[in-house]
């Protein structure tokens, strides 16, 4: 038998799984965003805008060695 409701059990289970994976609780549901950057666009500016909108956490709140964002750069073929 489980004491308490299933919602609290699921939260505790998720927290336990995240601690085993060495992932901070604040990043538990974080999925790595993927952006497509065309040649000539400023990749850093796009990432800063995403941080400002809260789509990705700022670097100071992100654990070292983890991937915050994946950027695909599209380069125009030579003429």
Protein backbone atom coordinates (compact mmCIF):
# COMPACT_ATOMS: atom_id res chain seq x y z
CA UNK A 1 0.00 0.00 0.00
CA UNK A 2 1.11 3.52 -0.75
CA UNK A 3 0.44 6.23 1.82
CA UNK A 4 -0.56 9.53 0.22
CA UNK A 5 -1.81 10.19 -3.27
CA UNK A 6 -0.29 8.90 -6.48
CA UNK A 7 0.78 12.41 -7.56
CA UNK A 8 3.15 12.79 -4.63
CA UNK A 9 4.46 9.28 -5.21
CA UNK A 10 5.21 10.07 -8.86
CA UNK A 11 7.01 13.28 -7.88
CA UNK A 12 9.11 11.42 -5.30
CA UNK A 13 9.90 8.68 -7.82
CA UNK A 14 10.93 11.26 -10.46
CA UNK A 15 13.14 13.02 -7.91
CA UNK A 16 14.79 9.71 -6.99
CA UNK A 17 15.41 8.83 -10.64
CA UNK A 18 16.88 12.26 -11.31
CA UNK A 19 19.26 12.04 -8.35
CA UNK A 20 20.45 8.65 -9.61
CA UNK A 21 21.11 10.21 -13.02
CA UNK A 22 22.98 13.12 -11.39
CA UNK A 23 20.57 15.65 -12.92
CA UNK A 24 19.52 18.64 -10.82
CA UNK A 25 15.81 18.74 -10.01
CA UNK A 26 15.48 22.10 -11.77
CA UNK A 27 16.51 20.45 -15.06
CA UNK A 28 14.57 17.22 -14.63
CA UNK A 29 12.19 17.77 -17.55
CA UNK A 30 14.67 19.70 -19.69
CA UNK A 31 14.91 18.63 -23.32
CA UNK A 32 17.79 19.95 -25.39
CA UNK A 33 16.46 22.54 -27.85
CA UNK A 34 17.71 22.36 -31.43
CA UNK A 35 18.05 25.51 -33.51
CA UNK A 36 18.84 25.94 -37.19
CA UNK A 37 21.14 28.83 -38.00
CA UNK A 38 21.63 29.95 -41.58
CA UNK A 39 24.92 31.27 -42.84
CA UNK A 40 25.31 34.92 -41.83
CA UNK A 41 23.02 34.72 -38.76
CA UNK A 42 24.45 35.31 -35.29
CA UNK A 43 24.14 32.05 -33.36
CA UNK A 44 25.08 33.65 -30.03
CA UNK A 45 22.38 36.31 -30.43
CA UNK A 46 19.74 33.64 -31.08
CA UNK A 47 20.83 31.69 -27.97
CA UNK A 48 20.75 34.88 -25.83
CA UNK A 49 17.19 35.57 -27.06
CA UNK A 50 16.18 32.00 -26.14
CA UNK A 51 17.65 32.52 -22.65
CA UNK A 52 15.71 35.78 -22.28
CA UNK A 53 12.45 34.00 -23.21
CA UNK A 54 13.23 31.20 -20.75
CA UNK A 55 13.48 28.49 -23.41
CA UNK A 56 16.91 27.44 -22.18
CA UNK A 57 18.50 28.01 -18.76
CA UNK A 58 21.34 30.54 -18.50
CA UNK A 59 24.87 29.06 -18.38
CA UNK A 60 25.41 29.98 -14.72
CA UNK A 61 22.42 27.81 -13.72
CA UNK A 62 23.40 24.90 -15.94
CA UNK A 63 25.68 22.06 -14.81
CA UNK A 64 29.10 21.91 -16.46
CA UNK A 65 29.56 19.23 -19.08
CA UNK A 66 25.91 19.12 -20.13
CA UNK A 67 24.50 20.21 -23.50
CA UNK A 68 22.28 23.33 -23.34
CA UNK A 69 21.43 23.76 -27.02
CA UNK A 70 22.23 22.08 -30.33
CA UNK A 71 22.81 24.44 -33.27
CA UNK A 72 22.75 23.23 -36.86
CA UNK A 73 24.45 25.69 -39.20
CA UNK A 74 23.24 25.71 -42.79
CA UNK A 75 25.95 26.84 -45.17
CA UNK A 76 25.12 27.89 -48.70
CA UNK A 77 26.87 25.83 -51.36
CA UNK A 78 29.45 27.65 -53.47
CA UNK A 79 28.16 29.09 -56.76
